[in-house]
ModelCIF file with pLDDT and N, C-alpha, C, O atoms, coordinates in Angstrom:
data_MODEL
#
_entry.id   MODEL 
#
_entity.id                         1 
_entity.type                       polymer 
_entity.pdbx_number_of_molecules   1 
#
_entity_poly.entity_id                      1 
_entity_poly.type                           'polypeptide(L)' 
_entity_poly.nstd_linkage                   no 
_entity_poly.nstd_monomer                   no 
_entity_poly.pdbx_seq_one_letter_code       GLASAMFGSMAVPGTGRAQAKPIRIGVITSLTGFAQIYGDANRIGAE 
_entity_poly.pdbx_seq_one_letter_code_can   GLASAMFGSMAVPGTGRAQAKPIRIGVITSLTGFAQIYGDANRIGAE 
_entity_poly.pdbx_strand_id                 A 
#
loop_
_entity_poly_seq.entity_id 
_entity_poly_seq.num 
_entity_poly_seq.mon_id 
_entity_poly_seq.hetero 
1 1  GLY n 
1 2  LEU n 
1 3  ALA n 
1 4  SER n 
1 5  ALA n 
1 6  MET n 
1 7  PHE n 
1 8  GLY n 
1 9  SER n 
1 10 MET n 
1 11 ALA n 
1 12 VAL n 
1 13 PRO n 
1 14 GLY n 
1 15 THR n 
1 16 GLY n 
1 17 ARG n 
1 18 ALA n 
1 19 GLN n 
1 20 ALA n 
1 21 LYS n 
1 22 PRO n 
1 23 ILE n 
1 24 ARG n 
1 25 ILE n 
1 26 GLY n 
1 27 VAL n 
1 28 ILE n 
1 29 THR n 
1 30 SER n 
1 31 LEU n 
1 32 THR n 
1 33 GLY n 
1 34 PHE n 
1 35 ALA n 
1 36 GLN n 
1 37 ILE n 
1 38 TYR n 
1 39 GLY n 
1 40 ASP n 
1 41 ALA n 
1 42 ASN n 
1 43 ARG n 
1 44 ILE n 
1 45 GLY n 
1 46 ALA n 
1 47 GLU n 
#
_struct_asym.id          A 
_struct_asym.entity_id   1 
#
loop_
_ma_qa_metric.id 
_ma_qa_metric.mode 
_ma_qa_metric.name 
_ma_qa_metric.software_group_id 
_ma_qa_metric.type 
1 global pLDDT . pLDDT 
2 local  pLDDT . pLDDT 
#
_ma_qa_metric_global.metric_id      1 
_ma_qa_metric_global.metric_value   74.87 
_ma_qa_metric_global.model_id       1 
_ma_qa_metric_global.ordinal_id     1 
#
loop_
_ma_qa_metric_local.label_asym_id 
_ma_qa_metric_local.label_comp_id 
_ma_qa_metric_local.label_seq_id 
_ma_qa_metric_local.metric_id 
_ma_qa_metric_local.metric_value 
_ma_qa_metric_local.model_id 
_ma_qa_metric_local.ordinal_id 
A GLY 1  2 49.00 1 1  
A LEU 2  2 55.00 1 2  
A ALA 3  2 56.00 1 3  
A SER 4  2 51.00 1 4  
A ALA 5  2 50.00 1 5  
A MET 6  2 54.00 1 6  
A PHE 7  2 56.00 1 7  
A GLY 8  2 50.00 1 8  
A SER 9  2 42.00 1 9  
A MET 10 2 42.00 1 10 
A ALA 11 2 44.00 1 11 
A VAL 12 2 47.00 1 12 
A PRO 13 2 45.00 1 13 
A GLY 14 2 44.00 1 14 
A THR 15 2 37.00 1 15 
A GLY 16 2 40.00 1 16 
A ARG 17 2 39.00 1 17 
A ALA 18 2 45.00 1 18 
A GLN 19 2 51.00 1 19 
A ALA 20 2 77.00 1 20 
A LYS 21 2 91.00 1 21 
A PRO 22 2 96.00 1 22 
A ILE 23 2 97.00 1 23 
A ARG 24 2 98.00 1 24 
A ILE 25 2 98.00 1 25 
A GLY 26 2 98.00 1 26 
A VAL 27 2 98.00 1 27 
A ILE 28 2 98.00 1 28 
A THR 29 2 96.00 1 29 
A SER 30 2 94.00 1 30 
A LEU 31 2 96.00 1 31 
A THR 32 2 92.00 1 32 
A GLY 33 2 88.00 1 33 
A PHE 34 2 82.00 1 34 
A ALA 35 2 87.00 1 35 
A GLN 36 2 91.00 1 36 
A ILE 37 2 88.00 1 37 
A TYR 38 2 89.00 1 38 
A GLY 39 2 94.00 1 39 
A ASP 40 2 95.00 1 40 
A ALA 41 2 94.00 1 41 
A ASN 42 2 96.00 1 42 
A ARG 43 2 97.00 1 43 
A ILE 44 2 98.00 1 44 
A GLY 45 2 98.00 1 45 
A ALA 46 2 98.00 1 46 
A GLU 47 2 98.00 1 47 
#
loop_
_atom_site.group_PDB 
_atom_site.id 
_atom_site.type_symbol 
_atom_site.label_atom_id 
_atom_site.label_alt_id 
_atom_site.label_comp_id 
_atom_site.label_asym_id 
_atom_site.label_entity_id 
_atom_site.label_seq_id 
_atom_site.pdbx_PDB_ins_code 
_atom_site.Cartn_x 
_atom_site.Cartn_y 
_atom_site.Cartn_z 
_atom_site.occupancy 
_atom_site.B_iso_or_equiv 
_atom_site.pdbx_formal_charge 
_atom_site.auth_seq_id 
_atom_site.auth_comp_id 
_atom_site.auth_asym_id 
_atom_site.auth_atom_id 
_atom_site.pdbx_PDB_model_num 
ATOM 1   N N  . GLY A 1 1  ? -0.391  4.885   15.822  1.00 49.00 ? 1  GLY A N  1 
ATOM 2   C CA . GLY A 1 1  ? 0.293   4.667   17.111  1.00 49.00 ? 1  GLY A CA 1 
ATOM 3   C C  . GLY A 1 1  ? 1.114   3.398   16.637  1.00 49.00 ? 1  GLY A C  1 
ATOM 4   O O  . GLY A 1 1  ? 2.338   3.265   16.640  1.00 49.00 ? 1  GLY A O  1 
ATOM 5   N N  . LEU A 1 2  ? 0.091   2.447   16.207  1.00 55.00 ? 2  LEU A N  1 
ATOM 6   C CA . LEU A 1 2  ? 0.739   1.015   15.612  1.00 55.00 ? 2  LEU A CA 1 
ATOM 7   C C  . LEU A 1 2  ? 1.339   1.130   14.362  1.00 55.00 ? 2  LEU A C  1 
ATOM 8   O O  . LEU A 1 2  ? 2.310   0.399   14.170  1.00 55.00 ? 2  LEU A O  1 
ATOM 9   N N  . ALA A 1 3  ? 0.921   2.024   13.288  1.00 56.00 ? 3  ALA A N  1 
ATOM 10  C CA . ALA A 1 3  ? 1.715   2.204   12.530  1.00 56.00 ? 3  ALA A CA 1 
ATOM 11  C C  . ALA A 1 3  ? 3.068   2.931   12.374  1.00 56.00 ? 3  ALA A C  1 
ATOM 12  O O  . ALA A 1 3  ? 3.748   2.725   11.368  1.00 56.00 ? 3  ALA A O  1 
ATOM 13  N N  . SER A 1 4  ? 3.419   3.660   13.209  1.00 51.00 ? 4  SER A N  1 
ATOM 14  C CA . SER A 1 4  ? 4.309   4.534   13.899  1.00 51.00 ? 4  SER A CA 1 
ATOM 15  C C  . SER A 1 4  ? 5.355   3.371   14.660  1.00 51.00 ? 4  SER A C  1 
ATOM 16  O O  . SER A 1 4  ? 6.554   3.240   14.414  1.00 51.00 ? 4  SER A O  1 
ATOM 17  N N  . ALA A 1 5  ? 4.794   2.818   15.346  1.00 50.00 ? 5  ALA A N  1 
ATOM 18  C CA . ALA A 1 5  ? 5.638   1.851   15.672  1.00 50.00 ? 5  ALA A CA 1 
ATOM 19  C C  . ALA A 1 5  ? 6.479   0.762   14.240  1.00 50.00 ? 5  ALA A C  1 
ATOM 20  O O  . ALA A 1 5  ? 7.617   0.330   14.424  1.00 50.00 ? 5  ALA A O  1 
ATOM 21  N N  . MET A 1 6  ? 5.944   0.556   13.317  1.00 54.00 ? 6  MET A N  1 
ATOM 22  C CA . MET A 1 6  ? 6.304   0.003   12.583  1.00 54.00 ? 6  MET A CA 1 
ATOM 23  C C  . MET A 1 6  ? 6.781   1.051   11.269  1.00 54.00 ? 6  MET A C  1 
ATOM 24  O O  . MET A 1 6  ? 7.598   0.527   10.512  1.00 54.00 ? 6  MET A O  1 
ATOM 25  N N  . PHE A 1 7  ? 6.519   1.935   11.050  1.00 56.00 ? 7  PHE A N  1 
ATOM 26  C CA . PHE A 1 7  ? 7.536   2.686   9.900   1.00 56.00 ? 7  PHE A CA 1 
ATOM 27  C C  . PHE A 1 7  ? 7.864   4.037   10.206  1.00 56.00 ? 7  PHE A C  1 
ATOM 28  O O  . PHE A 1 7  ? 8.714   4.666   9.576   1.00 56.00 ? 7  PHE A O  1 
ATOM 29  N N  . GLY A 1 8  ? 7.110   4.569   11.306  1.00 50.00 ? 8  GLY A N  1 
ATOM 30  C CA . GLY A 1 8  ? 7.485   6.000   11.641  1.00 50.00 ? 8  GLY A CA 1 
ATOM 31  C C  . GLY A 1 8  ? 9.204   6.723   12.098  1.00 50.00 ? 8  GLY A C  1 
ATOM 32  O O  . GLY A 1 8  ? 9.782   7.780   11.845  1.00 50.00 ? 8  GLY A O  1 
ATOM 33  N N  . SER A 1 9  ? 9.531   5.497   12.866  1.00 42.00 ? 9  SER A N  1 
ATOM 34  C CA . SER A 1 9  ? 11.006  5.995   13.502  1.00 42.00 ? 9  SER A CA 1 
ATOM 35  C C  . SER A 1 9  ? 12.228  5.987   12.785  1.00 42.00 ? 9  SER A C  1 
ATOM 36  O O  . SER A 1 9  ? 13.318  6.302   13.263  1.00 42.00 ? 9  SER A O  1 
ATOM 37  N N  . MET A 1 10 ? 11.883  5.396   10.917  1.00 42.00 ? 10 MET A N  1 
ATOM 38  C CA . MET A 1 10 ? 13.114  5.305   10.248  1.00 42.00 ? 10 MET A CA 1 
ATOM 39  C C  . MET A 1 10 ? 12.991  5.989   9.015   1.00 42.00 ? 10 MET A C  1 
ATOM 40  O O  . MET A 1 10 ? 12.206  5.418   8.258   1.00 42.00 ? 10 MET A O  1 
ATOM 41  N N  . ALA A 1 11 ? 13.453  6.922   8.602   1.00 44.00 ? 11 ALA A N  1 
ATOM 42  C CA . ALA A 1 11 ? 13.596  7.689   7.464   1.00 44.00 ? 11 ALA A CA 1 
ATOM 43  C C  . ALA A 1 11 ? 14.115  6.833   6.378   1.00 44.00 ? 11 ALA A C  1 
ATOM 44  O O  . ALA A 1 11 ? 14.827  5.907   6.767   1.00 44.00 ? 11 ALA A O  1 
ATOM 45  N N  . VAL A 1 12 ? 13.880  6.949   4.830   1.00 47.00 ? 12 VAL A N  1 
ATOM 46  C CA . VAL A 1 12 ? 14.350  6.472   3.948   1.00 47.00 ? 12 VAL A CA 1 
ATOM 47  C C  . VAL A 1 12 ? 14.947  7.073   3.308   1.00 47.00 ? 12 VAL A C  1 
ATOM 48  O O  . VAL A 1 12 ? 14.352  7.626   2.383   1.00 47.00 ? 12 VAL A O  1 
ATOM 49  N N  . PRO A 1 13 ? 16.381  7.284   3.441   1.00 45.00 ? 13 PRO A N  1 
ATOM 50  C CA . PRO A 1 13 ? 17.653  7.829   2.734   1.00 45.00 ? 13 PRO A CA 1 
ATOM 51  C C  . PRO A 1 13 ? 16.915  7.914   1.169   1.00 45.00 ? 13 PRO A C  1 
ATOM 52  O O  . PRO A 1 13 ? 16.278  7.018   0.615   1.00 45.00 ? 13 PRO A O  1 
ATOM 53  N N  . GLY A 1 14 ? 17.243  9.395   0.614   1.00 44.00 ? 14 GLY A N  1 
ATOM 54  C CA . GLY A 1 14 ? 16.602  9.456   -0.725  1.00 44.00 ? 14 GLY A CA 1 
ATOM 55  C C  . GLY A 1 14 ? 17.445  10.790  -1.362  1.00 44.00 ? 14 GLY A C  1 
ATOM 56  O O  . GLY A 1 14 ? 18.430  11.173  -0.731  1.00 44.00 ? 14 GLY A O  1 
ATOM 57  N N  . THR A 1 15 ? 17.207  11.225  -2.133  1.00 37.00 ? 15 THR A N  1 
ATOM 58  C CA . THR A 1 15 ? 17.334  12.516  -2.696  1.00 37.00 ? 15 THR A CA 1 
ATOM 59  C C  . THR A 1 15 ? 16.857  13.329  -2.876  1.00 37.00 ? 15 THR A C  1 
ATOM 60  O O  . THR A 1 15 ? 16.295  13.371  -3.971  1.00 37.00 ? 15 THR A O  1 
ATOM 61  N N  . GLY A 1 16 ? 16.744  14.406  -2.066  1.00 40.00 ? 16 GLY A N  1 
ATOM 62  C CA . GLY A 1 16 ? 15.967  15.873  -2.313  1.00 40.00 ? 16 GLY A CA 1 
ATOM 63  C C  . GLY A 1 16 ? 14.426  15.509  -2.293  1.00 40.00 ? 16 GLY A C  1 
ATOM 64  O O  . GLY A 1 16 ? 13.858  14.860  -1.415  1.00 40.00 ? 16 GLY A O  1 
ATOM 65  N N  . ARG A 1 17 ? 13.963  15.956  -3.225  1.00 39.00 ? 17 ARG A N  1 
ATOM 66  C CA . ARG A 1 17 ? 12.310  16.188  -3.654  1.00 39.00 ? 17 ARG A CA 1 
ATOM 67  C C  . ARG A 1 17 ? 12.037  14.850  -4.127  1.00 39.00 ? 17 ARG A C  1 
ATOM 68  O O  . ARG A 1 17 ? 10.849  14.528  -4.136  1.00 39.00 ? 17 ARG A O  1 
ATOM 69  N N  . ALA A 1 18 ? 12.980  13.908  -4.565  1.00 45.00 ? 18 ALA A N  1 
ATOM 70  C CA . ALA A 1 18 ? 12.424  12.375  -4.964  1.00 45.00 ? 18 ALA A CA 1 
ATOM 71  C C  . ALA A 1 18 ? 11.894  11.929  -3.904  1.00 45.00 ? 18 ALA A C  1 
ATOM 72  O O  . ALA A 1 18 ? 10.922  11.191  -4.064  1.00 45.00 ? 18 ALA A O  1 
ATOM 73  N N  . GLN A 1 19 ? 12.275  12.176  -2.727  1.00 51.00 ? 19 GLN A N  1 
ATOM 74  C CA . GLN A 1 19 ? 12.116  11.187  -1.624  1.00 51.00 ? 19 GLN A CA 1 
ATOM 75  C C  . GLN A 1 19 ? 10.428  11.321  -1.400  1.00 51.00 ? 19 GLN A C  1 
ATOM 76  O O  . GLN A 1 19 ? 9.918   10.302  -0.933  1.00 51.00 ? 19 GLN A O  1 
ATOM 77  N N  . ALA A 1 20 ? 9.493   12.469  -1.682  1.00 77.00 ? 20 ALA A N  1 
ATOM 78  C CA . ALA A 1 20 ? 8.552   12.778  -1.804  1.00 77.00 ? 20 ALA A CA 1 
ATOM 79  C C  . ALA A 1 20 ? 7.437   11.982  -2.713  1.00 77.00 ? 20 ALA A C  1 
ATOM 80  O O  . ALA A 1 20 ? 6.228   11.860  -2.517  1.00 77.00 ? 20 ALA A O  1 
ATOM 81  N N  . LYS A 1 21 ? 8.261   11.484  -3.769  1.00 91.00 ? 21 LYS A N  1 
ATOM 82  C CA . LYS A 1 21 ? 7.308   10.549  -4.580  1.00 91.00 ? 21 LYS A CA 1 
ATOM 83  C C  . LYS A 1 21 ? 6.647   9.499   -3.894  1.00 91.00 ? 21 LYS A C  1 
ATOM 84  O O  . LYS A 1 21 ? 7.265   8.847   -3.053  1.00 91.00 ? 21 LYS A O  1 
ATOM 85  N N  . PRO A 1 22 ? 5.188   9.207   -4.220  1.00 96.00 ? 22 PRO A N  1 
ATOM 86  C CA . PRO A 1 22 ? 4.722   8.434   -3.327  1.00 96.00 ? 22 PRO A CA 1 
ATOM 87  C C  . PRO A 1 22 ? 5.455   6.791   -3.820  1.00 96.00 ? 22 PRO A C  1 
ATOM 88  O O  . PRO A 1 22 ? 6.080   6.652   -4.872  1.00 96.00 ? 22 PRO A O  1 
ATOM 89  N N  . ILE A 1 23 ? 5.242   5.809   -2.949  1.00 97.00 ? 23 ILE A N  1 
ATOM 90  C CA . ILE A 1 23 ? 5.722   4.516   -3.348  1.00 97.00 ? 23 ILE A CA 1 
ATOM 91  C C  . ILE A 1 23 ? 4.216   3.612   -3.898  1.00 97.00 ? 23 ILE A C  1 
ATOM 92  O O  . ILE A 1 23 ? 3.283   3.160   -3.234  1.00 97.00 ? 23 ILE A O  1 
ATOM 93  N N  . ARG A 1 24 ? 4.432   3.604   -5.102  1.00 98.00 ? 24 ARG A N  1 
ATOM 94  C CA . ARG A 1 24 ? 3.202   3.090   -5.757  1.00 98.00 ? 24 ARG A CA 1 
ATOM 95  C C  . ARG A 1 24 ? 3.118   1.166   -6.184  1.00 98.00 ? 24 ARG A C  1 
ATOM 96  O O  . ARG A 1 24 ? 3.783   0.374   -6.851  1.00 98.00 ? 24 ARG A O  1 
ATOM 97  N N  . ILE A 1 25 ? 2.057   1.138   -5.447  1.00 98.00 ? 25 ILE A N  1 
ATOM 98  C CA . ILE A 1 25 ? 1.886   -0.715  -5.400  1.00 98.00 ? 25 ILE A CA 1 
ATOM 99  C C  . ILE A 1 25 ? 0.678   -0.913  -6.176  1.00 98.00 ? 25 ILE A C  1 
ATOM 100 O O  . ILE A 1 25 ? -0.326  -0.330  -5.767  1.00 98.00 ? 25 ILE A O  1 
ATOM 101 N N  . GLY A 1 26 ? 0.581   -1.671  -7.287  1.00 98.00 ? 26 GLY A N  1 
ATOM 102 C CA . GLY A 1 26 ? -0.157  -1.827  -8.499  1.00 98.00 ? 26 GLY A CA 1 
ATOM 103 C C  . GLY A 1 26 ? -0.999  -3.472  -7.702  1.00 98.00 ? 26 GLY A C  1 
ATOM 104 O O  . GLY A 1 26 ? -0.464  -4.580  -7.718  1.00 98.00 ? 26 GLY A O  1 
ATOM 105 N N  . VAL A 1 27 ? -2.293  -3.173  -7.123  1.00 98.00 ? 27 VAL A N  1 
ATOM 106 C CA . VAL A 1 27 ? -2.666  -4.278  -6.699  1.00 98.00 ? 27 VAL A CA 1 
ATOM 107 C C  . VAL A 1 27 ? -3.975  -4.663  -7.754  1.00 98.00 ? 27 VAL A C  1 
ATOM 108 O O  . VAL A 1 27 ? -5.063  -4.103  -7.886  1.00 98.00 ? 27 VAL A O  1 
ATOM 109 N N  . ILE A 1 28 ? -3.398  -5.846  -8.432  1.00 98.00 ? 28 ILE A N  1 
ATOM 110 C CA . ILE A 1 28 ? -4.066  -6.728  -9.802  1.00 98.00 ? 28 ILE A CA 1 
ATOM 111 C C  . ILE A 1 28 ? -5.172  -7.850  -8.835  1.00 98.00 ? 28 ILE A C  1 
ATOM 112 O O  . ILE A 1 28 ? -4.827  -8.943  -8.385  1.00 98.00 ? 28 ILE A O  1 
ATOM 113 N N  . THR A 1 29 ? -6.438  -7.261  -8.704  1.00 96.00 ? 29 THR A N  1 
ATOM 114 C CA . THR A 1 29 ? -7.381  -8.385  -8.107  1.00 96.00 ? 29 THR A CA 1 
ATOM 115 C C  . THR A 1 29 ? -8.536  -8.704  -8.495  1.00 96.00 ? 29 THR A C  1 
ATOM 116 O O  . THR A 1 29 ? -9.132  -7.870  -9.176  1.00 96.00 ? 29 THR A O  1 
ATOM 117 N N  . SER A 1 30 ? -9.108  -9.808  -8.231  1.00 94.00 ? 30 SER A N  1 
ATOM 118 C CA . SER A 1 30 ? -10.690 -9.718  -9.312  1.00 94.00 ? 30 SER A CA 1 
ATOM 119 C C  . SER A 1 30 ? -11.561 -8.527  -8.525  1.00 94.00 ? 30 SER A C  1 
ATOM 120 O O  . SER A 1 30 ? -11.828 -8.920  -7.389  1.00 94.00 ? 30 SER A O  1 
ATOM 121 N N  . LEU A 1 31 ? -11.962 -7.498  -8.730  1.00 96.00 ? 31 LEU A N  1 
ATOM 122 C CA . LEU A 1 31 ? -12.587 -6.898  -8.714  1.00 96.00 ? 31 LEU A CA 1 
ATOM 123 C C  . LEU A 1 31 ? -14.375 -6.751  -9.345  1.00 96.00 ? 31 LEU A C  1 
ATOM 124 O O  . LEU A 1 31 ? -15.256 -5.941  -9.056  1.00 96.00 ? 31 LEU A O  1 
ATOM 125 N N  . THR A 1 32 ? -14.358 -7.974  -10.330 1.00 92.00 ? 32 THR A N  1 
ATOM 126 C CA . THR A 1 32 ? -15.630 -8.474  -10.872 1.00 92.00 ? 32 THR A CA 1 
ATOM 127 C C  . THR A 1 32 ? -15.311 -10.074 -11.288 1.00 92.00 ? 32 THR A C  1 
ATOM 128 O O  . THR A 1 32 ? -14.158 -10.497 -11.202 1.00 92.00 ? 32 THR A O  1 
ATOM 129 N N  . GLY A 1 33 ? -16.339 -10.872 -11.713 1.00 88.00 ? 33 GLY A N  1 
ATOM 130 C CA . GLY A 1 33 ? -16.268 -12.305 -11.721 1.00 88.00 ? 33 GLY A CA 1 
ATOM 131 C C  . GLY A 1 33 ? -16.434 -12.757 -10.719 1.00 88.00 ? 33 GLY A C  1 
ATOM 132 O O  . GLY A 1 33 ? -16.454 -12.144 -9.653  1.00 88.00 ? 33 GLY A O  1 
ATOM 133 N N  . PHE A 1 34 ? -16.609 -14.096 -10.908 1.00 82.00 ? 34 PHE A N  1 
ATOM 134 C CA . PHE A 1 34 ? -16.567 -15.177 -9.532  1.00 82.00 ? 34 PHE A CA 1 
ATOM 135 C C  . PHE A 1 34 ? -15.975 -14.932 -8.263  1.00 82.00 ? 34 PHE A C  1 
ATOM 136 O O  . PHE A 1 34 ? -16.569 -14.810 -7.192  1.00 82.00 ? 34 PHE A O  1 
ATOM 137 N N  . ALA A 1 35 ? -14.909 -14.879 -8.449  1.00 87.00 ? 35 ALA A N  1 
ATOM 138 C CA . ALA A 1 35 ? -13.931 -14.218 -7.259  1.00 87.00 ? 35 ALA A CA 1 
ATOM 139 C C  . ALA A 1 35 ? -14.104 -12.912 -6.560  1.00 87.00 ? 35 ALA A C  1 
ATOM 140 O O  . ALA A 1 35 ? -13.689 -12.766 -5.410  1.00 87.00 ? 35 ALA A O  1 
ATOM 141 N N  . GLN A 1 36 ? -14.603 -12.116 -7.105  1.00 91.00 ? 36 GLN A N  1 
ATOM 142 C CA . GLN A 1 36 ? -15.336 -10.757 -6.417  1.00 91.00 ? 36 GLN A CA 1 
ATOM 143 C C  . GLN A 1 36 ? -15.283 -10.718 -5.292  1.00 91.00 ? 36 GLN A C  1 
ATOM 144 O O  . GLN A 1 36 ? -14.758 -9.691  -4.859  1.00 91.00 ? 36 GLN A O  1 
ATOM 145 N N  . ILE A 1 37 ? -15.616 -11.430 -4.566  1.00 88.00 ? 37 ILE A N  1 
ATOM 146 C CA . ILE A 1 37 ? -15.659 -11.341 -3.041  1.00 88.00 ? 37 ILE A CA 1 
ATOM 147 C C  . ILE A 1 37 ? -14.280 -11.156 -2.360  1.00 88.00 ? 37 ILE A C  1 
ATOM 148 O O  . ILE A 1 37 ? -13.918 -10.297 -1.557  1.00 88.00 ? 37 ILE A O  1 
ATOM 149 N N  . TYR A 1 38 ? -13.549 -12.298 -2.953  1.00 89.00 ? 38 TYR A N  1 
ATOM 150 C CA . TYR A 1 38 ? -12.162 -12.265 -2.435  1.00 89.00 ? 38 TYR A CA 1 
ATOM 151 C C  . TYR A 1 38 ? -11.295 -11.536 -2.869  1.00 89.00 ? 38 TYR A C  1 
ATOM 152 O O  . TYR A 1 38 ? -10.184 -11.440 -2.348  1.00 89.00 ? 38 TYR A O  1 
ATOM 153 N N  . GLY A 1 39 ? -11.723 -10.812 -4.047  1.00 94.00 ? 39 GLY A N  1 
ATOM 154 C CA . GLY A 1 39 ? -11.283 -9.803  -4.956  1.00 94.00 ? 39 GLY A CA 1 
ATOM 155 C C  . GLY A 1 39 ? -10.754 -8.746  -3.985  1.00 94.00 ? 39 GLY A C  1 
ATOM 156 O O  . GLY A 1 39 ? -9.611  -8.446  -3.642  1.00 94.00 ? 39 GLY A O  1 
ATOM 157 N N  . ASP A 1 40 ? -12.238 -8.175  -3.582  1.00 95.00 ? 40 ASP A N  1 
ATOM 158 C CA . ASP A 1 40 ? -12.655 -7.051  -2.628  1.00 95.00 ? 40 ASP A CA 1 
ATOM 159 C C  . ASP A 1 40 ? -12.043 -6.986  -1.474  1.00 95.00 ? 40 ASP A C  1 
ATOM 160 O O  . ASP A 1 40 ? -11.778 -5.889  -0.981  1.00 95.00 ? 40 ASP A O  1 
ATOM 161 N N  . ALA A 1 41 ? -11.683 -8.292  -0.788  1.00 94.00 ? 41 ALA A N  1 
ATOM 162 C CA . ALA A 1 41 ? -11.274 -8.776  0.212   1.00 94.00 ? 41 ALA A CA 1 
ATOM 163 C C  . ALA A 1 41 ? -9.524  -7.972  0.241   1.00 94.00 ? 41 ALA A C  1 
ATOM 164 O O  . ALA A 1 41 ? -8.900  -7.214  0.984   1.00 94.00 ? 41 ALA A O  1 
ATOM 165 N N  . ASN A 1 42 ? -9.349  -8.542  -0.766  1.00 96.00 ? 42 ASN A N  1 
ATOM 166 C CA . ASN A 1 42 ? -8.151  -7.901  -1.287  1.00 96.00 ? 42 ASN A CA 1 
ATOM 167 C C  . ASN A 1 42 ? -7.732  -6.395  -1.220  1.00 96.00 ? 42 ASN A C  1 
ATOM 168 O O  . ASN A 1 42 ? -6.784  -5.779  -0.733  1.00 96.00 ? 42 ASN A O  1 
ATOM 169 N N  . ARG A 1 43 ? -8.701  -6.121  -1.825  1.00 97.00 ? 43 ARG A N  1 
ATOM 170 C CA . ARG A 1 43 ? -8.492  -4.584  -1.923  1.00 97.00 ? 43 ARG A CA 1 
ATOM 171 C C  . ARG A 1 43 ? -8.827  -3.760  -0.712  1.00 97.00 ? 43 ARG A C  1 
ATOM 172 O O  . ARG A 1 43 ? -8.360  -2.654  -0.439  1.00 97.00 ? 43 ARG A O  1 
ATOM 173 N N  . ILE A 1 44 ? -9.940  -4.645  0.161   1.00 98.00 ? 44 ILE A N  1 
ATOM 174 C CA . ILE A 1 44 ? -10.064 -3.331  1.404   1.00 98.00 ? 44 ILE A CA 1 
ATOM 175 C C  . ILE A 1 44 ? -8.660  -3.540  2.558   1.00 98.00 ? 44 ILE A C  1 
ATOM 176 O O  . ILE A 1 44 ? -8.313  -2.745  3.431   1.00 98.00 ? 44 ILE A O  1 
ATOM 177 N N  . GLY A 1 45 ? -7.963  -5.031  2.167   1.00 98.00 ? 45 GLY A N  1 
ATOM 178 C CA . GLY A 1 45 ? -6.822  -5.183  2.834   1.00 98.00 ? 45 GLY A CA 1 
ATOM 179 C C  . GLY A 1 45 ? -6.044  -4.422  2.539   1.00 98.00 ? 45 GLY A C  1 
ATOM 180 O O  . GLY A 1 45 ? -5.716  -3.649  3.439   1.00 98.00 ? 45 GLY A O  1 
ATOM 181 N N  . ALA A 1 46 ? -5.317  -4.236  1.069   1.00 98.00 ? 46 ALA A N  1 
ATOM 182 C CA . ALA A 1 46 ? -3.944  -3.512  0.780   1.00 98.00 ? 46 ALA A CA 1 
ATOM 183 C C  . ALA A 1 46 ? -4.606  -2.092  1.252   1.00 98.00 ? 46 ALA A C  1 
ATOM 184 O O  . ALA A 1 46 ? -3.929  -1.477  2.075   1.00 98.00 ? 46 ALA A O  1 
ATOM 185 N N  . GLU A 1 47 ? -5.888  -1.460  0.827   1.00 98.00 ? 47 GLU A N  1 
ATOM 186 C CA . GLU A 1 47 ? -6.096  0.016   1.323   1.00 98.00 ? 47 GLU A CA 1 
ATOM 187 C C  . GLU A 1 47 ? -6.259  0.504   2.770   1.00 98.00 ? 47 GLU A C  1 
ATOM 188 O O  . GLU A 1 47 ? -6.415  1.702   3.003   1.00 98.00 ? 47 GLU A O  1 
#
């Protein structure tokens, strides 16, 4: 319900089937190393 309020009410104009392609977001963060606890948090939030 909350996500629908933010995103579900407006379609993105596009071209036929190309519209179905996912919107890929590259998340580059610290999954190992000294900053891992913060990088894992970045990953969780994005997911």
